[in-house]
């Protein structure tokens, strides 16, 4: 599988929280995260057991990270 496969929504939220995002609320099955840093857009992460790689990649870009930075945060 690829680099971004088999990552759950909850695991992705934990990674984004390491760079200053906080879970604000949930709308249906989507968790809405806001950043403490100005200029960073809110993120909408589905609360699924496995996120689609394309969706996760787009949220990583919106957060201002590269895939390599996300992977490093995921491991650490």
PDB file of N, CA and C in Angstrom:
ATOM      1  N   UNK A   1       0.828  -1.179   0.000  1.00  0.00           N
ATOM      2  CA  UNK A   1       0.000   0.000   0.000  1.00  0.00           C
ATOM      3  C   UNK A   1       0.874   1.244   0.000  1.00  0.00           C
ATOM      4  N   UNK A   2       0.249   2.369  -0.282  1.00  0.00           N
ATOM      5  CA  UNK A   2       0.990   3.612  -0.382  1.00  0.00           C
ATOM      6  C   UNK A   2       1.287   4.236   0.969  1.00  0.00           C
ATOM      7  N   UNK A   3       1.937   5.375   0.898  1.00  0.00           N
ATOM      8  CA  UNK A   3       2.374   6.091   2.087  1.00  0.00           C
ATOM      9  C   UNK A   3       1.192   6.529   2.943  1.00  0.00           C
ATOM     10  N   UNK A   4       0.094   6.930   2.315  1.00  0.00           N
ATOM     11  CA  UNK A   4      -1.037   7.493   3.048  1.00  0.00           C
ATOM     12  C   UNK A   4      -2.201   6.518   3.219  1.00  0.00           C
ATOM     13  N   UNK A   5      -1.956   5.242   3.073  1.00  0.00           N
ATOM     14  CA  UNK A   5      -3.059   4.296   3.208  1.00  0.00           C
ATOM     15  C   UNK A   5      -3.179   3.808   4.651  1.00  0.00           C
ATOM     16  N   UNK A   6      -4.350   3.365   4.993  1.00  0.00           N
ATOM     17  CA  UNK A   6      -4.648   2.780   6.300  1.00  0.00           C
ATOM     18  C   UNK A   6      -4.466   3.744   7.468  1.00  0.00           C
ATOM     19  N   UNK A   7      -4.776   5.013   7.258  1.00  0.00           N
ATOM     20  CA  UNK A   7      -4.733   5.984   8.349  1.00  0.00           C
ATOM     21  C   UNK A   7      -6.168   6.353   8.690  1.00  0.00           C
ATOM     22  N   UNK A   8      -6.521   6.230   9.963  1.00  0.00           N
ATOM     23  CA  UNK A   8      -7.883   6.552  10.381  1.00  0.00           C
ATOM     24  C   UNK A   8      -8.037   8.055  10.562  1.00  0.00           C
ATOM     25  N   UNK A   9      -9.275   8.497  10.614  1.00  0.00           N
ATOM     26  CA  UNK A   9      -9.550   9.902  10.843  1.00  0.00           C
ATOM     27  C   UNK A   9      -9.038  10.358  12.198  1.00  0.00           C
ATOM     28  N   UNK A  10      -9.206   9.535  13.220  1.00  0.00           N
ATOM     29  CA  UNK A  10      -8.747   9.900  14.559  1.00  0.00           C
ATOM     30  C   UNK A  10      -7.234  10.013  14.615  1.00  0.00           C
ATOM     31  N   UNK A  11      -6.537   9.121  13.901  1.00  0.00           N
ATOM     32  CA  UNK A  11      -5.078   9.197  13.866  1.00  0.00           C
ATOM     33  C   UNK A  11      -4.625  10.461  13.147  1.00  0.00           C
ATOM     34  N   UNK A  12      -5.313  10.828  12.079  1.00  0.00           N
ATOM     35  CA  UNK A  12      -4.980  12.053  11.347  1.00  0.00           C
ATOM     36  C   UNK A  12      -5.186  13.273  12.231  1.00  0.00           C
ATOM     37  N   UNK A  13      -6.259  13.291  13.014  1.00  0.00           N
ATOM     38  CA  UNK A  13      -6.518  14.408  13.929  1.00  0.00           C
ATOM     39  C   UNK A  13      -5.384  14.529  14.943  1.00  0.00           C
ATOM     40  N   UNK A  14      -4.889  13.411  15.451  1.00  0.00           N
ATOM     41  CA  UNK A  14      -3.778  13.438  16.404  1.00  0.00           C
ATOM     42  C   UNK A  14      -2.531  14.050  15.774  1.00  0.00           C
ATOM     43  N   UNK A  15      -2.276  13.720  14.517  1.00  0.00           N
ATOM     44  CA  UNK A  15      -1.113  14.280  13.832  1.00  0.00           C
ATOM     45  C   UNK A  15      -1.289  15.779  13.631  1.00  0.00           C
ATOM     46  N   UNK A  16      -2.453  16.201  13.169  1.00  0.00           N
ATOM     47  CA  UNK A  16      -2.690  17.628  12.957  1.00  0.00           C
ATOM     48  C   UNK A  16      -2.654  18.413  14.267  1.00  0.00           C
ATOM     49  N   UNK A  17      -2.999  17.767  15.377  1.00  0.00           N
ATOM     50  CA  UNK A  17      -2.941  18.460  16.668  1.00  0.00           C
ATOM     51  C   UNK A  17      -1.498  18.765  17.064  1.00  0.00           C
ATOM     52  N   UNK A  18      -0.549  18.018  16.541  1.00  0.00           N
ATOM     53  CA  UNK A  18       0.865  18.259  16.844  1.00  0.00           C
ATOM     54  C   UNK A  18       1.372  19.555  16.221  1.00  0.00           C
ATOM     55  N   UNK A  19       0.672  20.078  15.210  1.00  0.00           N
ATOM     56  CA  UNK A  19       1.103  21.327  14.582  1.00  0.00           C
ATOM     57  C   UNK A  19       0.155  22.482  14.931  1.00  0.00           C
ATOM     58  N   UNK A  20      -0.666  22.300  15.955  1.00  0.00           N
ATOM     59  CA  UNK A  20      -1.477  23.402  16.452  1.00  0.00           C
ATOM     60  C   UNK A  20      -2.949  23.369  16.108  1.00  0.00           C
ATOM     61  N   UNK A  21      -3.422  22.322  15.448  1.00  0.00           N
ATOM     62  CA  UNK A  21      -4.855  22.213  15.171  1.00  0.00           C
ATOM     63  C   UNK A  21      -5.555  21.610  16.377  1.00  0.00           C
ATOM     64  N   UNK A  22      -6.790  22.059  16.615  1.00  0.00           N
ATOM     65  CA  UNK A  22      -7.588  21.524  17.718  1.00  0.00           C
ATOM     66  C   UNK A  22      -8.959  21.118  17.197  1.00  0.00           C
ATOM     67  N   UNK A  23      -9.451  20.014  17.707  1.00  0.00           N
ATOM     68  CA  UNK A  23     -10.793  19.568  17.358  1.00  0.00           C
ATOM     69  C   UNK A  23     -11.787  20.546  17.968  1.00  0.00           C
ATOM     70  N   UNK A  24     -12.605  21.166  17.133  1.00  0.00           N
ATOM     71  CA  UNK A  24     -13.584  22.147  17.600  1.00  0.00           C
ATOM     72  C   UNK A  24     -14.943  21.488  17.810  1.00  0.00           C
ATOM     73  N   UNK A  25     -15.407  20.784  16.784  1.00  0.00           N
ATOM     74  CA  UNK A  25     -16.703  20.105  16.883  1.00  0.00           C
ATOM     75  C   UNK A  25     -16.802  19.060  15.778  1.00  0.00           C
ATOM     76  N   UNK A  26     -17.902  18.338  15.798  1.00  0.00           N
ATOM     77  CA  UNK A  26     -18.146  17.316  14.789  1.00  0.00           C
ATOM     78  C   UNK A  26     -19.497  17.573  14.145  1.00  0.00           C
ATOM     79  N   UNK A  27     -19.524  17.539  12.829  1.00  0.00           N
ATOM     80  CA  UNK A  27     -20.761  17.675  12.060  1.00  0.00           C
ATOM     81  C   UNK A  27     -21.004  16.366  11.325  1.00  0.00           C
ATOM     82  N   UNK A  28     -21.952  15.592  11.795  1.00  0.00           N
ATOM     83  CA  UNK A  28     -22.169  14.275  11.207  1.00  0.00           C
ATOM     84  C   UNK A  28     -20.951  13.407  11.473  1.00  0.00           C
ATOM     85  N   UNK A  29     -20.345  12.905  10.408  1.00  0.00           N
ATOM     86  CA  UNK A  29     -19.160  12.067  10.580  1.00  0.00           C
ATOM     87  C   UNK A  29     -17.864  12.837  10.353  1.00  0.00           C
ATOM     88  N   UNK A  30     -17.936  14.166  10.216  1.00  0.00           N
ATOM     89  CA  UNK A  30     -16.743  14.969   9.952  1.00  0.00           C
ATOM     90  C   UNK A  30     -16.318  15.748  11.196  1.00  0.00           C
ATOM     91  N   UNK A  31     -15.030  15.606  11.532  1.00  0.00           N
ATOM     92  CA  UNK A  31     -14.447  16.335  12.639  1.00  0.00           C
ATOM     93  C   UNK A  31     -13.880  17.647  12.087  1.00  0.00           C
ATOM     94  N   UNK A  32     -14.222  18.755  12.695  1.00  0.00           N
ATOM     95  CA  UNK A  32     -13.791  20.068  12.239  1.00  0.00           C
ATOM     96  C   UNK A  32     -12.671  20.555  13.150  1.00  0.00           C
ATOM     97  N   UNK A  33     -11.525  20.863  12.543  1.00  0.00           N
ATOM     98  CA  UNK A  33     -10.359  21.310  13.286  1.00  0.00           C
ATOM     99  C   UNK A  33     -10.030  22.754  12.921  1.00  0.00           C
ATOM    100  N   UNK A  34      -9.649  23.522  13.937  1.00  0.00           N
ATOM    101  CA  UNK A  34      -9.199  24.893  13.730  1.00  0.00           C
ATOM    102  C   UNK A  34      -7.787  25.014  14.268  1.00  0.00           C
ATOM    103  N   UNK A  35      -7.016  25.910  13.658  1.00  0.00           N
ATOM    104  CA  UNK A  35      -5.628  26.101  14.045  1.00  0.00           C
ATOM    105  C   UNK A  35      -5.478  27.283  14.978  1.00  0.00           C
ATOM    106  N   UNK A  36      -4.486  27.193  15.863  1.00  0.00           N
ATOM    107  CA  UNK A  36      -4.130  28.313  16.731  1.00  0.00           C
ATOM    108  C   UNK A  36      -3.380  29.379  15.946  1.00  0.00           C
ATOM    109  N   UNK A  37      -2.735  28.982  14.853  1.00  0.00           N
ATOM    110  CA  UNK A  37      -1.934  29.901  14.046  1.00  0.00           C
ATOM    111  C   UNK A  37      -2.821  30.650  13.060  1.00  0.00           C
ATOM    112  N   UNK A  38      -2.673  31.954  12.988  1.00  0.00           N
ATOM    113  CA  UNK A  38      -3.469  32.713  12.011  1.00  0.00           C
ATOM    114  C   UNK A  38      -3.044  32.363  10.587  1.00  0.00           C
ATOM    115  N   UNK A  39      -4.013  32.384   9.688  1.00  0.00           N
ATOM    116  CA  UNK A  39      -3.728  32.105   8.291  1.00  0.00           C
ATOM    117  C   UNK A  39      -3.883  30.651   7.882  1.00  0.00           C
ATOM    118  N   UNK A  40      -4.016  29.760   8.846  1.00  0.00           N
ATOM    119  CA  UNK A  40      -4.218  28.352   8.506  1.00  0.00           C
ATOM    120  C   UNK A  40      -5.719  28.084   8.403  1.00  0.00           C
ATOM    121  N   UNK A  41      -6.151  27.455   7.313  1.00  0.00           N
ATOM    122  CA  UNK A  41      -7.583  27.204   7.131  1.00  0.00           C
ATOM    123  C   UNK A  41      -8.080  26.072   8.031  1.00  0.00           C
ATOM    124  N   UNK A  42      -9.373  26.046   8.314  1.00  0.00           N
ATOM    125  CA  UNK A  42      -9.927  24.919   9.070  1.00  0.00           C
ATOM    126  C   UNK A  42      -9.859  23.648   8.232  1.00  0.00           C
ATOM    127  N   UNK A  43      -9.818  22.512   8.901  1.00  0.00           N
ATOM    128  CA  UNK A  43      -9.777  21.211   8.236  1.00  0.00           C
ATOM    129  C   UNK A  43     -11.028  20.428   8.594  1.00  0.00           C
ATOM    130  N   UNK A  44     -11.510  19.633   7.647  1.00  0.00           N
ATOM    131  CA  UNK A  44     -12.641  18.746   7.864  1.00  0.00           C
ATOM    132  C   UNK A  44     -12.167  17.318   7.608  1.00  0.00           C
ATOM    133  N   UNK A  45     -12.081  16.537   8.664  1.00  0.00           N
ATOM    134  CA  UNK A  45     -11.566  15.172   8.583  1.00  0.00           C
ATOM    135  C   UNK A  45     -12.695  14.193   8.872  1.00  0.00           C
ATOM    136  N   UNK A  46     -12.991  13.283   7.936  1.00  0.00           N
ATOM    137  CA  UNK A  46     -14.026  12.286   8.206  1.00  0.00           C
ATOM    138  C   UNK A  46     -13.604  11.337   9.332  1.00  0.00           C
ATOM    139  N   UNK A  47     -14.523  10.991  10.177  1.00  0.00           N
ATOM    140  CA  UNK A  47     -14.254  10.060  11.268  1.00  0.00           C
ATOM    141  C   UNK A  47     -14.479   8.639  10.747  1.00  0.00           C
ATOM    142  N   UNK A  48     -13.580   8.209   9.866  1.00  0.00           N
ATOM    143  CA  UNK A  48     -13.663   6.885   9.251  1.00  0.00           C
ATOM    144  C   UNK A  48     -12.496   6.036   9.728  1.00  0.00           C
ATOM    145  N   UNK A  49     -12.648   4.726   9.608  1.00  0.00           N
ATOM    146  CA  UNK A  49     -11.565   3.818   9.985  1.00  0.00           C
ATOM    147  C   UNK A  49     -10.379   3.943   9.038  1.00  0.00           C
ATOM    148  N   UNK A  50     -10.642   4.283   7.786  1.00  0.00           N
ATOM    149  CA  UNK A  50      -9.574   4.451   6.805  1.00  0.00           C
ATOM    150  C   UNK A  50      -9.924   5.610   5.886  1.00  0.00           C
ATOM    151  N   UNK A  51      -9.039   6.597   5.818  1.00  0.00           N
ATOM    152  CA  UNK A  51      -9.261   7.758   4.961  1.00  0.00           C
ATOM    153  C   UNK A  51      -8.765   7.474   3.550  1.00  0.00           C
ATOM    154  N   UNK A  52      -9.450   8.039   2.578  1.00  0.00           N
ATOM    155  CA  UNK A  52      -8.997   7.935   1.196  1.00  0.00           C
ATOM    156  C   UNK A  52      -7.691   8.714   1.061  1.00  0.00           C
ATOM    157  N   UNK A  53      -6.684   8.144   0.411  1.00  0.00           N
ATOM    158  CA  UNK A  53      -5.387   8.823   0.297  1.00  0.00           C
ATOM    159  C   UNK A  53      -5.481  10.207  -0.344  1.00  0.00           C
ATOM    160  N   UNK A  54      -6.320  10.382  -1.351  1.00  0.00           N
ATOM    161  CA  UNK A  54      -6.451  11.680  -2.010  1.00  0.00           C
ATOM    162  C   UNK A  54      -7.014  12.736  -1.085  1.00  0.00           C
ATOM    163  N   UNK A  55      -8.008  12.363  -0.295  1.00  0.00           N
ATOM    164  CA  UNK A  55      -8.599  13.294   0.656  1.00  0.00           C
ATOM    165  C   UNK A  55      -7.579  13.688   1.719  1.00  0.00           C
ATOM    166  N   UNK A  56      -6.855  12.715   2.239  1.00  0.00           N
ATOM    167  CA  UNK A  56      -5.855  12.999   3.263  1.00  0.00           C
ATOM    168  C   UNK A  56      -4.748  13.884   2.686  1.00  0.00           C
ATOM    169  N   UNK A  57      -4.342  13.608   1.470  1.00  0.00           N
ATOM    170  CA  UNK A  57      -3.303  14.409   0.822  1.00  0.00           C
ATOM    171  C   UNK A  57      -3.751  15.863   0.687  1.00  0.00           C
ATOM    172  N   UNK A  58      -5.000  16.078   0.330  1.00  0.00           N
ATOM    173  CA  UNK A  58      -5.491  17.451   0.178  1.00  0.00           C
ATOM    174  C   UNK A  58      -5.538  18.174   1.527  1.00  0.00           C
ATOM    175  N   UNK A  59      -5.887  17.467   2.594  1.00  0.00           N
ATOM    176  CA  UNK A  59      -5.919  18.086   3.922  1.00  0.00           C
ATOM    177  C   UNK A  59      -4.503  18.384   4.423  1.00  0.00           C
ATOM    178  N   UNK A  60      -3.555  17.535   4.074  1.00  0.00           N
ATOM    179  CA  UNK A  60      -2.155  17.778   4.427  1.00  0.00           C
ATOM    180  C   UNK A  60      -1.673  19.065   3.755  1.00  0.00           C
ATOM    181  N   UNK A  61      -2.006  19.234   2.478  1.00  0.00           N
ATOM    182  CA  UNK A  61      -1.628  20.451   1.754  1.00  0.00           C
ATOM    183  C   UNK A  61      -2.297  21.681   2.361  1.00  0.00           C
ATOM    184  N   UNK A  62      -3.586  21.566   2.708  1.00  0.00           N
ATOM    185  CA  UNK A  62      -4.311  22.700   3.312  1.00  0.00           C
ATOM    186  C   UNK A  62      -3.657  23.121   4.629  1.00  0.00           C
ATOM    187  N   UNK A  63      -3.115  22.162   5.358  1.00  0.00           N
ATOM    188  CA  UNK A  63      -2.473  22.448   6.640  1.00  0.00           C
ATOM    189  C   UNK A  63      -1.073  23.030   6.455  1.00  0.00           C
ATOM    190  N   UNK A  64      -0.575  23.049   5.230  1.00  0.00           N
ATOM    191  CA  UNK A  64       0.745  23.611   4.960  1.00  0.00           C
ATOM    192  C   UNK A  64       1.884  22.645   5.199  1.00  0.00           C
ATOM    193  N   UNK A  65       1.590  21.355   5.163  1.00  0.00           N
ATOM    194  CA  UNK A  65       2.610  20.332   5.367  1.00  0.00           C
ATOM    195  C   UNK A  65       2.929  19.627   4.058  1.00  0.00           C
ATOM    196  N   UNK A  66       4.078  18.979   4.034  1.00  0.00           N
ATOM    197  CA  UNK A  66       4.385  18.055   2.948  1.00  0.00           C
ATOM    198  C   UNK A  66       4.041  16.651   3.448  1.00  0.00           C
ATOM    199  N   UNK A  67       3.943  15.713   2.547  1.00  0.00           N
ATOM    200  CA  UNK A  67       3.644  14.332   2.930  1.00  0.00           C
ATOM    201  C   UNK A  67       4.752  13.786   3.832  1.00  0.00           C
ATOM    202  N   UNK A  68       6.001  14.155   3.542  1.00  0.00           N
ATOM    203  CA  UNK A  68       7.122  13.688   4.360  1.00  0.00           C
ATOM    204  C   UNK A  68       7.018  14.236   5.789  1.00  0.00           C
ATOM    205  N   UNK A  69       6.643  15.502   5.940  1.00  0.00           N
ATOM    206  CA  UNK A  69       6.479  16.076   7.277  1.00  0.00           C
ATOM    207  C   UNK A  69       5.345  15.370   8.019  1.00  0.00           C
ATOM    208  N   UNK A  70       4.254  15.082   7.316  1.00  0.00           N
ATOM    209  CA  UNK A  70       3.122  14.375   7.932  1.00  0.00           C
ATOM    210  C   UNK A  70       3.570  12.994   8.406  1.00  0.00           C
ATOM    211  N   UNK A  71       4.312  12.283   7.570  1.00  0.00           N
ATOM    212  CA  UNK A  71       4.798  10.938   7.942  1.00  0.00           C
ATOM    213  C   UNK A  71       5.688  10.993   9.156  1.00  0.00           C
ATOM    214  N   UNK A  72       6.559  12.014   9.221  1.00  0.00           N
ATOM    215  CA  UNK A  72       7.471  12.160  10.369  1.00  0.00           C
ATOM    216  C   UNK A  72       6.661  12.410  11.647  1.00  0.00           C
ATOM    217  N   UNK A  73       5.639  13.252  11.563  1.00  0.00           N
ATOM    218  CA  UNK A  73       4.783  13.515  12.722  1.00  0.00           C
ATOM    219  C   UNK A  73       3.980  12.285  13.106  1.00  0.00           C
ATOM    220  N   UNK A  74       3.592  11.493  12.122  1.00  0.00           N
ATOM    221  CA  UNK A  74       2.826  10.276  12.373  1.00  0.00           C
ATOM    222  C   UNK A  74       3.650   9.267  13.170  1.00  0.00           C
ATOM    223  N   UNK A  75       4.933   9.185  12.856  1.00  0.00           N
ATOM    224  CA  UNK A  75       5.820   8.224  13.547  1.00  0.00           C
ATOM    225  C   UNK A  75       6.261   8.715  14.915  1.00  0.00           C
ATOM    226  N   UNK A  76       6.319  10.041  15.079  1.00  0.00           N
ATOM    227  CA  UNK A  76       6.880  10.608  16.311  1.00  0.00           C
ATOM    228  C   UNK A  76       5.922  10.913  17.362  1.00  0.00           C
TER     229      UNK A  76
END
